[in-house]
Amino acid sequence: MNYLAQCFAKRKMYEVAIRTLQGALKEKAVFDDEKKELIYNLGCVLDSMGKKDEAIKQLELIYEVDIGYRDVRAKVDAFYAGGQV
């Protein structure tokens, strides 16, 4: 589902990508690396749509449990420093 959502996002089919990612997240009970990747990608899609506040809320979920995951720390810190993801 993650790769399918990424394909939708690359084609700028953002709403479909979001629904796909949200569906995959509903099936993930454990907050493991796969769930972090789904949340991260959801945040990136929301950011691509210009929904910065929604995007940062997703990234904060990861920030709270794994501050060192990918570039989450930099994105969250940048957002609070100047409002950019």
C-alpha atoms as a PDB file:
ATOM      1  CA  MET A   1       0.000   0.000   0.000  1.00  0.00           C
ATOM      2  CA  ASN A   2       2.859   2.357   0.796  1.00  0.00           C
ATOM      3  CA  TYR A   3       4.395   2.046  -2.671  1.00  0.00           C
ATOM      4  CA  LEU A   4       1.014   2.422  -4.323  1.00  0.00           C
ATOM      5  CA  ALA A   5       0.397   5.624  -2.364  1.00  0.00           C
ATOM      6  CA  GLN A   6       3.809   6.945  -3.408  1.00  0.00           C
ATOM      7  CA  CYS A   7       2.893   6.296  -7.043  1.00  0.00           C
ATOM      8  CA  PHE A   8      -0.348   8.232  -6.603  1.00  0.00           C
ATOM      9  CA  ALA A   9       1.549  11.099  -4.974  1.00  0.00           C
ATOM     10  CA  LYS A  10       4.080  11.264  -7.817  1.00  0.00           C
ATOM     11  CA  ARG A  11       1.167  11.553 -10.230  1.00  0.00           C
ATOM     12  CA  LYS A  12      -0.183  14.390  -8.037  1.00  0.00           C
ATOM     13  CA  MET A  13      -3.221  12.280  -7.115  1.00  0.00           C
ATOM     14  CA  TYR A  14      -2.842  13.479  -3.542  1.00  0.00           C
ATOM     15  CA  GLU A  15      -6.329  12.676  -2.232  1.00  0.00           C
ATOM     16  CA  VAL A  16      -6.038   9.074  -3.455  1.00  0.00           C
ATOM     17  CA  ALA A  17      -2.567   8.812  -1.916  1.00  0.00           C
ATOM     18  CA  ILE A  18      -3.897  10.076   1.420  1.00  0.00           C
ATOM     19  CA  ARG A  19      -6.782   7.593   1.448  1.00  0.00           C
ATOM     20  CA  THR A  20      -4.395   4.764   0.595  1.00  0.00           C
ATOM     21  CA  LEU A  21      -1.984   5.703   3.374  1.00  0.00           C
ATOM     22  CA  GLN A  22      -4.766   6.181   5.906  1.00  0.00           C
ATOM     23  CA  GLY A  23      -6.185   2.767   5.014  1.00  0.00           C
ATOM     24  CA  ALA A  24      -2.796   1.155   5.516  1.00  0.00           C
ATOM     25  CA  LEU A  25      -2.356   2.949   8.841  1.00  0.00           C
ATOM     26  CA  LYS A  26      -5.675   1.593  10.130  1.00  0.00           C
ATOM     27  CA  GLU A  27      -4.267  -1.909   9.722  1.00  0.00           C
ATOM     28  CA  LYS A  28      -1.064  -1.166  11.681  1.00  0.00           C
ATOM     29  CA  ALA A  29      -1.525  -1.589  15.423  1.00  0.00           C
ATOM     30  CA  VAL A  30       2.181  -1.598  16.314  1.00  0.00           C
ATOM     31  CA  PHE A  31       4.243   1.590  15.968  1.00  0.00           C
ATOM     32  CA  ASP A  32       7.097  -0.034  14.056  1.00  0.00           C
ATOM     33  CA  ASP A  33       9.319   1.169  11.201  1.00  0.00           C
ATOM     34  CA  GLU A  34       6.637   0.382   8.634  1.00  0.00           C
ATOM     35  CA  LYS A  35       4.105   2.537  10.462  1.00  0.00           C
ATOM     36  CA  LYS A  36       6.642   5.347  10.772  1.00  0.00           C
ATOM     37  CA  GLU A  37       7.208   5.173   7.008  1.00  0.00           C
ATOM     38  CA  LEU A  38       3.460   5.354   6.327  1.00  0.00           C
ATOM     39  CA  ILE A  39       3.057   8.343   8.656  1.00  0.00           C
ATOM     40  CA  TYR A  40       6.125  10.046   7.190  1.00  0.00           C
ATOM     41  CA  ASN A  41       4.798   9.620   3.661  1.00  0.00           C
ATOM     42  CA  LEU A  42       1.378  10.903   4.718  1.00  0.00           C
ATOM     43  CA  GLY A  43       3.062  13.992   6.138  1.00  0.00           C
ATOM     44  CA  CYS A  44       4.992  14.494   2.913  1.00  0.00           C
ATOM     45  CA  VAL A  45       1.832  14.218   0.793  1.00  0.00           C
ATOM     46  CA  LEU A  46       0.035  16.711   3.019  1.00  0.00           C
ATOM     47  CA  ASP A  47       3.027  19.034   2.731  1.00  0.00           C
ATOM     48  CA  SER A  48       2.934  18.734  -1.068  1.00  0.00           C
ATOM     49  CA  MET A  49      -0.693  19.829  -0.920  1.00  0.00           C
ATOM     50  CA  GLY A  50       0.267  22.915   1.099  1.00  0.00           C
ATOM     51  CA  LYS A  51      -1.363  21.579   4.266  1.00  0.00           C
ATOM     52  CA  LYS A  52       1.583  22.431   6.506  1.00  0.00           C
ATOM     53  CA  ASP A  53      -0.248  22.206   9.843  1.00  0.00           C
ATOM     54  CA  GLU A  54      -1.663  18.766   9.037  1.00  0.00           C
ATOM     55  CA  ALA A  55       1.719  17.623   7.742  1.00  0.00           C
ATOM     56  CA  ILE A  56       3.538  18.667  10.894  1.00  0.00           C
ATOM     57  CA  LYS A  57       0.981  16.857  13.073  1.00  0.00           C
ATOM     58  CA  GLN A  58       1.889  13.625  11.291  1.00  0.00           C
ATOM     59  CA  LEU A  59       5.607  14.224  11.640  1.00  0.00           C
ATOM     60  CA  GLU A  60       5.182  15.043  15.331  1.00  0.00           C
ATOM     61  CA  LEU A  61       3.790  11.530  15.882  1.00  0.00           C
ATOM     62  CA  ILE A  62       7.140  10.161  14.769  1.00  0.00           C
ATOM     63  CA  TYR A  63       9.129  12.914  16.516  1.00  0.00           C
ATOM     64  CA  GLU A  64       7.622  11.870  19.858  1.00  0.00           C
ATOM     65  CA  VAL A  65       8.847   8.274  19.592  1.00  0.00           C
ATOM     66  CA  ASP A  66      11.898   8.442  17.291  1.00  0.00           C
ATOM     67  CA  ILE A  67      13.426  11.890  16.957  1.00  0.00           C
ATOM     68  CA  GLY A  68      16.205  10.464  14.787  1.00  0.00           C
ATOM     69  CA  TYR A  69      13.946   8.991  12.113  1.00  0.00           C
ATOM     70  CA  ARG A  70      14.960  10.258   8.672  1.00  0.00           C
ATOM     71  CA  ASP A  71      14.761  14.081   8.602  1.00  0.00           C
ATOM     72  CA  VAL A  72      11.802  14.374  10.989  1.00  0.00           C
ATOM     73  CA  ARG A  73      13.746  16.350  13.578  1.00  0.00           C
ATOM     74  CA  ALA A  74      14.906  18.907  11.004  1.00  0.00           C
ATOM     75  CA  LYS A  75      11.416  19.304   9.528  1.00  0.00           C
ATOM     76  CA  VAL A  76       9.681  19.702  12.880  1.00  0.00           C
ATOM     77  CA  ASP A  77      12.345  22.080  14.193  1.00  0.00           C
ATOM     78  CA  ALA A  78      12.206  24.124  10.973  1.00  0.00           C
ATOM     79  CA  PHE A  79       8.432  24.351  11.181  1.00  0.00           C
ATOM     80  CA  TYR A  80       8.519  25.741  14.716  1.00  0.00           C
ATOM     81  CA  ALA A  81      11.409  28.055  13.904  1.00  0.00           C
ATOM     82  CA  GLY A  82       9.819  29.586  10.845  1.00  0.00           C
ATOM     83  CA  GLY A  83       6.606  27.835   9.900  1.00  0.00           C
ATOM     84  CA  GLN A  84       8.050  25.648   7.136  1.00  0.00           C
ATOM     85  CA  VAL A  85       8.057  21.857   6.870  1.00  0.00           C
END
